[in-house]
């Protein structure tokens, strides 16, 4: 059975345009994979604890020496990584907040980037250990994609590639605070997904 993990991050809930684009893709994916399973994680509805000095200390403490508090901290990262390791396809929906991704999604990324589990260091540099495909769905109030202030999509692609995850396709709906141009961009993104 093929399994897909969906990560949503918008604070707008069901009104989120990036989430709506992901819905369209997943409905298409399920039609193509009738026996497929979809796992869902909404990092806005259920935010993860931010990565702190306590997180770092817990991860770098040998397992047998961890306190109960440190074991609980590492268990969060372990759960997220195990969830990601067992799926075949990753879907991320993300808005642009202040020129970048939501802090909730950044926190998720911080928890799944672990040397020896999701990437490793080699003599020629880091190598990702997760061989999976990803589809990314983004939205923004104005048209920022491809501009010098777009620190969202380039960052997402860089991070996923760092873990060995290949971004197969991206659909973006810019201009969502701009009326008709935003509606046109959203419809164009929908058509793009259907054509994949």
N, C-alpha and C. Protein backbone atom coordinates (compact mmCIF):
# COMPACT_ATOMS: atom_id res chain seq x y z
N UNK A 1 0.84 -1.19 0.00
CA UNK A 1 0.00 0.00 0.00
C UNK A 1 0.88 1.25 0.00
N UNK A 2 0.53 2.22 -0.84
CA UNK A 2 1.25 3.48 -0.89
C UNK A 2 0.69 4.42 0.17
N UNK A 3 1.59 5.09 0.89
CA UNK A 3 1.16 5.96 1.98
C UNK A 3 1.66 7.38 1.75
N UNK A 4 0.79 8.33 2.02
CA UNK A 4 1.10 9.76 1.85
C UNK A 4 0.98 10.44 3.20
N UNK A 5 1.95 11.27 3.52
CA UNK A 5 1.91 12.09 4.73
C UNK A 5 1.66 13.53 4.35
N UNK A 6 0.62 14.08 4.93
CA UNK A 6 0.24 15.46 4.64
C UNK A 6 0.58 16.35 5.85
N UNK A 7 1.34 17.42 5.58
CA UNK A 7 1.69 18.39 6.62
C UNK A 7 1.05 19.73 6.26
N UNK A 8 0.08 20.17 7.07
CA UNK A 8 -0.53 21.49 6.88
C UNK A 8 0.01 22.45 7.93
N UNK A 9 0.13 23.74 7.56
CA UNK A 9 0.73 24.68 8.50
C UNK A 9 0.04 26.04 8.57
N UNK A 10 -0.98 26.27 7.77
CA UNK A 10 -1.62 27.58 7.77
C UNK A 10 -2.46 27.81 9.01
N UNK A 11 -2.45 29.04 9.51
CA UNK A 11 -3.30 29.42 10.64
C UNK A 11 -4.74 29.67 10.20
N UNK A 12 -5.00 29.66 8.89
CA UNK A 12 -6.33 29.97 8.37
C UNK A 12 -7.28 28.78 8.36
N UNK A 13 -6.81 27.62 8.77
CA UNK A 13 -7.68 26.44 8.83
C UNK A 13 -8.23 26.07 7.46
N UNK A 14 -9.52 25.78 7.41
CA UNK A 14 -10.15 25.34 6.17
C UNK A 14 -10.19 26.45 5.12
N UNK A 15 -10.02 27.70 5.53
CA UNK A 15 -10.00 28.82 4.58
C UNK A 15 -8.65 28.96 3.87
N UNK A 16 -7.69 28.22 4.32
CA UNK A 16 -6.33 28.31 3.77
C UNK A 16 -6.29 27.91 2.30
N UNK A 17 -5.73 28.76 1.47
CA UNK A 17 -5.62 28.47 0.04
C UNK A 17 -4.57 27.39 -0.21
N UNK A 18 -3.48 27.40 0.55
CA UNK A 18 -2.48 26.35 0.36
C UNK A 18 -3.06 24.99 0.75
N UNK A 19 -3.87 24.95 1.79
CA UNK A 19 -4.53 23.71 2.21
C UNK A 19 -5.53 23.25 1.14
N UNK A 20 -6.26 24.18 0.56
CA UNK A 20 -7.23 23.83 -0.48
C UNK A 20 -6.54 23.25 -1.71
N UNK A 21 -5.38 23.78 -2.05
CA UNK A 21 -4.62 23.21 -3.17
C UNK A 21 -4.16 21.79 -2.84
N UNK A 22 -3.73 21.59 -1.59
CA UNK A 22 -3.34 20.24 -1.17
C UNK A 22 -4.52 19.29 -1.23
N UNK A 23 -5.71 19.78 -0.86
CA UNK A 23 -6.92 18.94 -0.94
C UNK A 23 -7.14 18.44 -2.37
N UNK A 24 -6.99 19.35 -3.33
CA UNK A 24 -7.21 18.98 -4.73
C UNK A 24 -6.21 17.90 -5.15
N UNK A 25 -4.97 18.09 -4.78
CA UNK A 25 -3.95 17.10 -5.14
C UNK A 25 -4.23 15.75 -4.49
N UNK A 26 -4.58 15.76 -3.21
CA UNK A 26 -4.78 14.50 -2.51
C UNK A 26 -6.00 13.75 -3.05
N UNK A 27 -7.05 14.48 -3.40
CA UNK A 27 -8.19 13.82 -4.03
C UNK A 27 -7.79 13.15 -5.34
N UNK A 28 -6.95 13.84 -6.11
CA UNK A 28 -6.43 13.28 -7.37
C UNK A 28 -5.54 12.07 -7.07
N UNK A 29 -4.69 12.19 -6.06
CA UNK A 29 -3.79 11.11 -5.68
C UNK A 29 -4.56 9.86 -5.25
N UNK A 30 -5.63 10.07 -4.47
CA UNK A 30 -6.44 8.94 -4.02
C UNK A 30 -7.17 8.29 -5.18
N UNK A 31 -7.58 9.08 -6.16
CA UNK A 31 -8.22 8.50 -7.35
C UNK A 31 -7.23 7.63 -8.12
N UNK A 32 -5.97 8.05 -8.14
CA UNK A 32 -4.92 7.28 -8.82
C UNK A 32 -4.40 6.13 -7.96
N UNK A 33 -4.60 6.23 -6.64
CA UNK A 33 -4.12 5.22 -5.69
C UNK A 33 -5.28 4.83 -4.76
N UNK A 34 -6.28 4.09 -5.29
CA UNK A 34 -7.48 3.81 -4.50
C UNK A 34 -7.23 3.06 -3.20
N UNK A 35 -6.11 2.37 -3.12
CA UNK A 35 -5.77 1.67 -1.89
C UNK A 35 -4.78 2.45 -1.03
N UNK A 36 -4.50 3.68 -1.45
CA UNK A 36 -3.54 4.49 -0.72
C UNK A 36 -4.08 4.96 0.62
N UNK A 37 -3.15 5.25 1.51
CA UNK A 37 -3.50 5.75 2.85
C UNK A 37 -2.92 7.15 3.02
N UNK A 38 -3.72 8.04 3.61
CA UNK A 38 -3.28 9.41 3.85
C UNK A 38 -3.17 9.65 5.36
N UNK A 39 -1.98 9.99 5.81
CA UNK A 39 -1.76 10.40 7.20
C UNK A 39 -1.74 11.92 7.23
N UNK A 40 -2.29 12.51 8.28
CA UNK A 40 -2.39 13.96 8.36
C UNK A 40 -1.74 14.49 9.63
N UNK A 41 -1.01 15.57 9.46
CA UNK A 41 -0.45 16.27 10.62
C UNK A 41 -0.61 17.77 10.37
N UNK A 42 -1.32 18.43 11.25
CA UNK A 42 -1.54 19.87 11.16
C UNK A 42 -0.72 20.53 12.25
N UNK A 43 0.40 21.13 11.87
CA UNK A 43 1.30 21.71 12.87
C UNK A 43 0.80 23.05 13.40
N UNK A 44 -0.26 23.59 12.79
CA UNK A 44 -0.91 24.77 13.35
C UNK A 44 -1.90 24.35 14.43
N UNK A 45 -2.74 23.37 14.13
CA UNK A 45 -3.74 22.92 15.09
C UNK A 45 -3.10 22.23 16.29
N UNK A 46 -1.99 21.54 16.04
CA UNK A 46 -1.27 20.85 17.12
C UNK A 46 0.21 21.22 17.04
N UNK A 47 0.54 22.44 17.48
CA UNK A 47 1.93 22.90 17.34
C UNK A 47 2.91 22.08 18.19
N UNK A 48 4.08 21.94 17.65
CA UNK A 48 5.15 21.21 18.34
C UNK A 48 5.95 22.18 19.21
N UNK A 49 6.61 21.67 20.24
CA UNK A 49 7.45 22.56 21.06
C UNK A 49 8.65 23.06 20.27
N UNK A 50 8.97 24.32 20.44
CA UNK A 50 10.09 24.89 19.71
C UNK A 50 11.40 24.22 20.11
N UNK A 51 12.31 24.20 19.17
CA UNK A 51 13.64 23.61 19.35
C UNK A 51 14.46 24.56 20.24
N UNK A 52 14.87 24.10 21.41
CA UNK A 52 15.57 24.94 22.38
C UNK A 52 16.88 24.28 22.80
N UNK A 53 17.57 24.93 23.73
CA UNK A 53 18.81 24.35 24.27
C UNK A 53 18.52 23.02 24.97
N UNK A 54 17.31 22.91 25.57
CA UNK A 54 16.94 21.65 26.23
C UNK A 54 16.77 20.53 25.19
N UNK A 55 16.21 20.89 24.02
CA UNK A 55 16.05 19.90 22.95
C UNK A 55 17.42 19.41 22.50
N UNK A 56 18.30 20.35 22.26
CA UNK A 56 19.64 20.02 21.79
C UNK A 56 20.37 19.14 22.80
N UNK A 57 20.29 19.51 24.07
CA UNK A 57 20.95 18.73 25.12
C UNK A 57 20.40 17.31 25.17
N UNK A 58 19.09 17.17 25.04
CA UNK A 58 18.48 15.83 25.09
C UNK A 58 18.97 14.97 23.93
N UNK A 59 19.03 15.56 22.74
CA UNK A 59 19.45 14.79 21.57
C UNK A 59 20.90 14.36 21.65
N UNK A 60 21.74 15.18 22.28
CA UNK A 60 23.16 14.87 22.35
C UNK A 60 23.55 14.09 23.61
N UNK A 61 22.59 13.81 24.46
CA UNK A 61 22.85 12.98 25.63
C UNK A 61 22.67 11.51 25.23
N UNK A 62 23.64 10.65 25.54
CA UNK A 62 23.48 9.22 25.22
C UNK A 62 22.16 8.68 25.77
N UNK A 63 21.52 7.82 25.01
CA UNK A 63 20.18 7.35 25.35
C UNK A 63 20.08 6.82 26.78
N UNK A 64 21.09 6.05 27.19
CA UNK A 64 21.03 5.43 28.51
C UNK A 64 21.23 6.44 29.65
N UNK A 65 21.69 7.66 29.31
CA UNK A 65 21.93 8.67 30.33
C UNK A 65 20.85 9.76 30.38
N UNK A 66 19.85 9.67 29.52
CA UNK A 66 18.82 10.71 29.47
C UNK A 66 17.90 10.66 30.68
N UNK A 67 17.55 11.84 31.15
CA UNK A 67 16.55 11.94 32.21
C UNK A 67 15.17 11.64 31.61
N UNK A 68 14.17 11.50 32.48
CA UNK A 68 12.81 11.26 31.99
C UNK A 68 12.35 12.43 31.12
N UNK A 69 12.71 13.65 31.51
CA UNK A 69 12.35 14.84 30.73
C UNK A 69 13.02 14.81 29.35
N UNK A 70 14.29 14.42 29.32
CA UNK A 70 15.00 14.33 28.04
C UNK A 70 14.43 13.23 27.16
N UNK A 71 14.04 12.12 27.76
CA UNK A 71 13.43 11.04 26.98
C UNK A 71 12.14 11.50 26.32
N UNK A 72 11.37 12.30 27.05
CA UNK A 72 10.10 12.82 26.50
C UNK A 72 10.37 13.78 25.34
N UNK A 73 11.42 14.58 25.46
CA UNK A 73 11.78 15.53 24.39
C UNK A 73 12.18 14.77 23.13
N UNK A 74 13.04 13.77 23.28
CA UNK A 74 13.52 13.00 22.13
C UNK A 74 12.39 12.17 21.53
N UNK A 75 11.44 11.75 22.35
CA UNK A 75 10.32 10.94 21.85
C UNK A 75 9.50 11.70 20.81
N UNK A 76 9.42 13.02 20.95
CA UNK A 76 8.69 13.83 19.97
C UNK A 76 9.37 13.73 18.61
N UNK A 77 10.67 13.95 18.60
CA UNK A 77 11.44 13.87 17.35
C UNK A 77 11.38 12.46 16.77
N UNK A 78 11.51 11.45 17.63
CA UNK A 78 11.45 10.06 17.17
C UNK A 78 10.13 9.76 16.48
N UNK A 79 9.03 10.21 17.08
CA UNK A 79 7.71 9.95 16.51
C UNK A 79 7.56 10.59 15.13
N UNK A 80 8.02 11.83 15.01
CA UNK A 80 7.90 12.53 13.73
C UNK A 80 8.75 11.87 12.65
N UNK A 81 9.96 11.47 13.01
CA UNK A 81 10.86 10.85 12.04
C UNK A 81 10.32 9.48 11.63
N UNK A 82 9.85 8.68 12.59
CA UNK A 82 9.31 7.36 12.27
C UNK A 82 8.09 7.49 11.35
N UNK A 83 7.26 8.48 11.60
CA UNK A 83 6.10 8.73 10.75
C UNK A 83 6.53 9.04 9.33
N UNK A 84 7.55 9.87 9.20
CA UNK A 84 8.05 10.27 7.89
C UNK A 84 8.74 9.11 7.18
N UNK A 85 9.51 8.32 7.93
CA UNK A 85 10.25 7.20 7.33
C UNK A 85 9.32 6.16 6.70
N UNK A 86 8.13 5.97 7.26
CA UNK A 86 7.27 4.87 6.79
C UNK A 86 6.37 5.24 5.62
N UNK A 87 6.36 6.53 5.22
CA UNK A 87 5.49 6.92 4.11
C UNK A 87 6.28 6.99 2.81
N UNK A 88 5.53 7.01 1.70
CA UNK A 88 6.15 7.04 0.37
C UNK A 88 6.17 8.45 -0.22
N UNK A 89 5.16 9.23 0.12
CA UNK A 89 4.98 10.55 -0.49
C UNK A 89 4.73 11.57 0.61
N UNK A 90 5.31 12.75 0.45
CA UNK A 90 5.11 13.84 1.40
C UNK A 90 4.41 14.99 0.70
N UNK A 91 3.40 15.55 1.35
CA UNK A 91 2.70 16.73 0.85
C UNK A 91 2.81 17.82 1.92
N UNK A 92 3.24 18.99 1.51
CA UNK A 92 3.35 20.13 2.43
C UNK A 92 2.51 21.28 1.90
N UNK A 93 1.63 21.82 2.73
CA UNK A 93 0.92 23.04 2.38
C UNK A 93 1.38 24.14 3.32
N UNK A 94 1.75 25.29 2.74
CA UNK A 94 2.32 26.35 3.56
C UNK A 94 2.03 27.73 2.97
N UNK A 95 1.58 28.65 3.81
CA UNK A 95 1.47 30.04 3.37
C UNK A 95 2.81 30.74 3.55
N UNK A 96 2.91 31.95 3.02
CA UNK A 96 4.05 32.81 3.34
C UNK A 96 3.62 33.72 4.50
N UNK A 97 4.37 33.66 5.58
CA UNK A 97 4.18 34.59 6.69
C UNK A 97 5.45 35.41 6.83
N UNK A 98 5.34 36.70 6.61
CA UNK A 98 6.49 37.59 6.77
C UNK A 98 7.70 37.11 5.97
N UNK A 99 7.43 36.80 4.71
CA UNK A 99 8.44 36.43 3.70
C UNK A 99 9.00 35.02 3.85
N UNK A 100 8.46 34.23 4.78
CA UNK A 100 9.00 32.88 4.98
C UNK A 100 7.87 31.93 5.36
N UNK A 101 8.24 30.76 5.88
CA UNK A 101 7.25 29.76 6.26
C UNK A 101 6.75 30.04 7.68
N UNK A 102 5.59 29.49 8.06
CA UNK A 102 5.12 29.62 9.44
C UNK A 102 6.14 29.02 10.41
N UNK A 103 6.24 29.62 11.59
CA UNK A 103 7.18 29.10 12.59
C UNK A 103 6.83 27.68 12.99
N UNK A 104 5.54 27.32 12.89
CA UNK A 104 5.14 25.96 13.24
C UNK A 104 5.73 24.93 12.29
N UNK A 105 5.83 25.30 11.02
CA UNK A 105 6.44 24.39 10.04
C UNK A 105 7.95 24.35 10.23
N UNK A 106 8.55 25.48 10.53
CA UNK A 106 10.00 25.51 10.81
C UNK A 106 10.32 24.61 12.00
N UNK A 107 9.47 24.64 13.02
CA UNK A 107 9.69 23.78 14.18
C UNK A 107 9.61 22.31 13.80
N UNK A 108 8.64 21.97 12.95
CA UNK A 108 8.55 20.59 12.46
C UNK A 108 9.84 20.20 11.75
N UNK A 109 10.34 21.07 10.89
CA UNK A 109 11.58 20.80 10.18
C UNK A 109 12.74 20.60 11.16
N UNK A 110 12.78 21.43 12.20
CA UNK A 110 13.86 21.31 13.18
C UNK A 110 13.85 19.95 13.86
N UNK A 111 12.66 19.42 14.12
CA UNK A 111 12.56 18.13 14.81
C UNK A 111 12.90 16.94 13.91
N UNK A 112 12.71 17.07 12.60
CA UNK A 112 12.97 15.91 11.73
C UNK A 112 14.37 15.93 11.12
N UNK A 113 15.11 17.00 11.30
CA UNK A 113 16.49 17.05 10.78
C UNK A 113 17.42 16.49 11.85
N UNK A 114 17.78 15.23 11.71
CA UNK A 114 18.62 14.60 12.73
C UNK A 114 19.75 13.83 12.07
N UNK A 115 20.96 14.20 12.39
CA UNK A 115 22.14 13.51 11.85
C UNK A 115 22.10 12.05 12.25
N UNK A 116 22.34 11.18 11.27
CA UNK A 116 22.33 9.75 11.51
C UNK A 116 20.97 9.11 11.29
N UNK A 117 19.92 9.90 11.23
CA UNK A 117 18.57 9.38 10.99
C UNK A 117 18.02 9.86 9.65
N UNK A 118 18.00 11.17 9.44
CA UNK A 118 17.42 11.70 8.21
C UNK A 118 18.48 12.28 7.27
N UNK A 119 19.68 12.47 7.80
CA UNK A 119 20.82 12.85 6.96
C UNK A 119 22.09 12.40 7.66
N UNK A 120 23.19 12.37 6.90
CA UNK A 120 24.47 12.01 7.50
C UNK A 120 25.56 12.90 6.93
N UNK A 121 26.60 13.08 7.70
CA UNK A 121 27.76 13.84 7.24
C UNK A 121 28.76 12.89 6.60
N UNK A 122 29.30 13.30 5.45
CA UNK A 122 30.32 12.51 4.77
C UNK A 122 31.52 13.41 4.48
N UNK A 123 32.56 12.83 3.91
CA UNK A 123 33.76 13.61 3.58
C UNK A 123 33.47 14.67 2.53
N UNK A 124 32.42 14.45 1.74
CA UNK A 124 32.08 15.41 0.68
C UNK A 124 30.88 16.29 1.04
N UNK A 125 30.44 16.20 2.30
CA UNK A 125 29.32 17.01 2.74
C UNK A 125 28.14 16.17 3.19
N UNK A 126 27.06 16.82 3.64
CA UNK A 126 25.90 16.08 4.12
C UNK A 126 25.16 15.38 3.00
N UNK A 127 24.57 14.22 3.33
CA UNK A 127 23.79 13.43 2.38
C UNK A 127 22.46 13.07 3.03
N UNK A 128 21.35 13.31 2.31
CA UNK A 128 20.03 12.97 2.83
C UNK A 128 19.79 11.48 2.83
N UNK A 129 19.04 11.00 3.82
CA UNK A 129 18.79 9.57 3.97
C UNK A 129 17.34 9.18 3.67
N UNK A 130 16.49 10.15 3.34
CA UNK A 130 15.08 9.87 3.07
C UNK A 130 14.84 9.96 1.56
N UNK A 131 14.67 8.83 0.94
CA UNK A 131 14.46 8.81 -0.52
C UNK A 131 12.96 8.79 -0.79
N UNK A 132 12.38 9.98 -0.90
CA UNK A 132 10.93 10.10 -1.09
C UNK A 132 10.64 11.25 -2.05
N UNK A 133 9.41 11.26 -2.55
CA UNK A 133 8.94 12.37 -3.37
C UNK A 133 8.07 13.29 -2.54
N UNK A 134 8.10 14.58 -2.89
CA UNK A 134 7.27 15.55 -2.19
C UNK A 134 6.55 16.45 -3.18
N UNK A 135 5.40 16.92 -2.76
CA UNK A 135 4.61 17.90 -3.51
C UNK A 135 4.33 19.05 -2.56
N UNK A 136 4.55 20.27 -3.03
CA UNK A 136 4.45 21.45 -2.16
C UNK A 136 3.40 22.40 -2.70
N UNK A 137 2.57 22.91 -1.79
CA UNK A 137 1.48 23.82 -2.15
C UNK A 137 1.60 25.08 -1.30
N UNK A 138 1.74 26.21 -1.97
CA UNK A 138 1.98 27.45 -1.24
C UNK A 138 0.99 28.52 -1.67
N UNK A 139 0.84 29.53 -0.81
CA UNK A 139 -0.01 30.67 -1.11
C UNK A 139 0.56 31.89 -0.39
N UNK A 140 0.24 33.06 -0.94
CA UNK A 140 0.70 34.30 -0.31
C UNK A 140 -0.27 35.42 -0.64
N UNK A 141 -0.25 36.46 0.20
CA UNK A 141 -1.15 37.58 0.00
C UNK A 141 -0.85 38.38 -1.25
N UNK A 142 0.44 38.48 -1.58
CA UNK A 142 0.84 39.17 -2.81
C UNK A 142 1.63 38.20 -3.67
N UNK A 143 2.23 38.70 -4.73
CA UNK A 143 2.96 37.82 -5.65
C UNK A 143 4.46 37.89 -5.34
N UNK A 144 4.91 36.93 -4.52
CA UNK A 144 6.30 36.95 -4.08
C UNK A 144 7.14 35.84 -4.70
N UNK A 145 6.51 34.84 -5.29
CA UNK A 145 7.26 33.70 -5.81
C UNK A 145 8.31 34.15 -6.82
N UNK A 146 9.54 33.70 -6.59
CA UNK A 146 10.62 34.01 -7.51
C UNK A 146 11.24 35.38 -7.34
N UNK A 147 10.75 36.16 -6.37
CA UNK A 147 11.33 37.48 -6.13
C UNK A 147 12.43 37.36 -5.07
N UNK A 148 13.26 38.40 -4.91
CA UNK A 148 14.33 38.34 -3.91
C UNK A 148 13.83 38.19 -2.48
N UNK A 149 12.56 38.51 -2.22
CA UNK A 149 12.06 38.41 -0.85
C UNK A 149 11.28 37.12 -0.61
N UNK A 150 11.30 36.21 -1.56
CA UNK A 150 10.65 34.92 -1.37
C UNK A 150 11.63 33.99 -0.66
N UNK A 151 11.47 33.89 0.67
CA UNK A 151 12.33 33.00 1.46
C UNK A 151 11.56 31.76 1.89
N UNK A 152 10.44 31.52 1.20
CA UNK A 152 9.60 30.38 1.55
C UNK A 152 9.92 29.16 0.69
N UNK A 153 9.56 29.23 -0.58
CA UNK A 153 9.71 28.06 -1.45
C UNK A 153 11.17 27.63 -1.63
N UNK A 154 12.10 28.57 -1.84
CA UNK A 154 13.50 28.13 -1.94
C UNK A 154 13.97 27.42 -0.67
N UNK A 155 13.51 27.91 0.48
CA UNK A 155 13.90 27.28 1.74
C UNK A 155 13.32 25.87 1.86
N UNK A 156 12.04 25.73 1.54
CA UNK A 156 11.40 24.41 1.63
C UNK A 156 12.12 23.42 0.72
N UNK A 157 12.41 23.82 -0.51
CA UNK A 157 13.09 22.93 -1.45
C UNK A 157 14.49 22.56 -0.95
N UNK A 158 15.21 23.55 -0.44
CA UNK A 158 16.56 23.30 0.07
C UNK A 158 16.53 22.33 1.24
N UNK A 159 15.60 22.56 2.15
CA UNK A 159 15.53 21.71 3.33
C UNK A 159 15.17 20.27 2.96
N UNK A 160 14.15 20.10 2.14
CA UNK A 160 13.74 18.74 1.77
C UNK A 160 14.85 18.02 1.02
N UNK A 161 15.50 18.72 0.12
CA UNK A 161 16.61 18.12 -0.62
C UNK A 161 17.74 17.69 0.33
N UNK A 162 17.96 18.48 1.36
CA UNK A 162 18.98 18.17 2.37
C UNK A 162 18.69 16.82 3.02
N UNK A 163 17.41 16.46 3.14
CA UNK A 163 17.04 15.19 3.75
C UNK A 163 16.90 14.06 2.71
N UNK A 164 17.15 14.38 1.44
CA UNK A 164 17.03 13.37 0.39
C UNK A 164 15.63 13.27 -0.19
N UNK A 165 14.79 14.26 0.07
CA UNK A 165 13.41 14.27 -0.43
C UNK A 165 13.35 15.12 -1.69
N UNK A 166 12.87 14.53 -2.78
CA UNK A 166 12.84 15.23 -4.06
C UNK A 166 11.48 15.91 -4.25
N UNK A 167 11.49 17.22 -4.47
CA UNK A 167 10.26 17.94 -4.75
C UNK A 167 9.89 17.71 -6.21
N UNK A 168 8.80 16.98 -6.43
CA UNK A 168 8.39 16.63 -7.79
C UNK A 168 7.62 17.75 -8.46
N UNK A 169 6.73 18.40 -7.70
CA UNK A 169 5.91 19.46 -8.27
C UNK A 169 5.54 20.46 -7.19
N UNK A 170 5.31 21.70 -7.64
CA UNK A 170 4.90 22.79 -6.75
C UNK A 170 3.75 23.52 -7.40
N UNK A 171 2.74 23.88 -6.62
CA UNK A 171 1.67 24.74 -7.09
C UNK A 171 1.55 25.92 -6.14
N UNK A 172 1.55 27.12 -6.68
CA UNK A 172 1.55 28.33 -5.87
C UNK A 172 0.39 29.25 -6.27
N UNK A 173 -0.30 29.77 -5.27
CA UNK A 173 -1.36 30.75 -5.51
C UNK A 173 -0.96 32.06 -4.82
N UNK A 174 -0.39 32.96 -5.60
CA UNK A 174 -0.03 34.27 -5.06
C UNK A 174 -1.22 35.21 -5.14
N UNK A 175 -1.04 36.40 -4.57
CA UNK A 175 -2.04 37.45 -4.70
C UNK A 175 -3.35 37.21 -3.99
N UNK A 176 -3.34 36.41 -2.93
CA UNK A 176 -4.61 36.05 -2.29
C UNK A 176 -5.24 37.20 -1.49
N UNK A 177 -4.52 38.29 -1.31
CA UNK A 177 -5.09 39.47 -0.66
C UNK A 177 -5.40 40.56 -1.68
N UNK A 178 -5.37 40.20 -2.96
CA UNK A 178 -5.46 41.21 -4.02
C UNK A 178 -6.69 41.05 -4.91
N UNK A 179 -7.71 40.33 -4.42
CA UNK A 179 -8.94 40.22 -5.19
C UNK A 179 -8.83 39.35 -6.43
N UNK A 180 -9.27 39.90 -7.57
CA UNK A 180 -9.36 39.13 -8.81
C UNK A 180 -8.04 38.51 -9.26
N UNK A 181 -6.91 39.24 -9.18
CA UNK A 181 -5.65 38.59 -9.57
C UNK A 181 -5.35 37.34 -8.74
N UNK A 182 -5.71 37.39 -7.45
CA UNK A 182 -5.51 36.23 -6.58
C UNK A 182 -6.41 35.08 -6.96
N UNK A 183 -7.67 35.39 -7.30
CA UNK A 183 -8.61 34.34 -7.73
C UNK A 183 -8.11 33.68 -9.00
N UNK A 184 -7.59 34.47 -9.91
CA UNK A 184 -7.04 33.92 -11.15
C UNK A 184 -5.83 33.03 -10.88
N UNK A 185 -4.98 33.48 -9.96
CA UNK A 185 -3.80 32.68 -9.62
C UNK A 185 -4.19 31.36 -8.97
N UNK A 186 -5.21 31.40 -8.12
CA UNK A 186 -5.67 30.17 -7.46
C UNK A 186 -6.24 29.20 -8.49
N UNK A 187 -7.05 29.70 -9.40
CA UNK A 187 -7.63 28.84 -10.44
C UNK A 187 -6.55 28.26 -11.35
N UNK A 188 -5.54 29.06 -11.64
CA UNK A 188 -4.43 28.58 -12.46
C UNK A 188 -3.69 27.44 -11.74
N UNK A 189 -3.48 27.61 -10.44
CA UNK A 189 -2.81 26.57 -9.66
C UNK A 189 -3.64 25.30 -9.62
N UNK A 190 -4.96 25.43 -9.48
CA UNK A 190 -5.85 24.27 -9.50
C UNK A 190 -5.74 23.53 -10.83
N UNK A 191 -5.76 24.27 -11.93
CA UNK A 191 -5.66 23.65 -13.25
C UNK A 191 -4.31 22.93 -13.41
N UNK A 192 -3.31 23.54 -12.86
CA UNK A 192 -1.96 22.97 -12.93
C UNK A 192 -1.93 21.61 -12.22
N UNK A 193 -2.54 21.52 -11.05
CA UNK A 193 -2.56 20.27 -10.29
C UNK A 193 -3.31 19.19 -11.05
N UNK A 194 -4.46 19.54 -11.59
CA UNK A 194 -5.27 18.57 -12.34
C UNK A 194 -4.49 18.02 -13.53
N UNK A 195 -3.62 18.84 -14.11
CA UNK A 195 -2.86 18.42 -15.29
C UNK A 195 -1.66 17.55 -14.95
N UNK A 196 -1.28 17.46 -13.69
CA UNK A 196 -0.11 16.65 -13.32
C UNK A 196 -0.37 15.18 -13.61
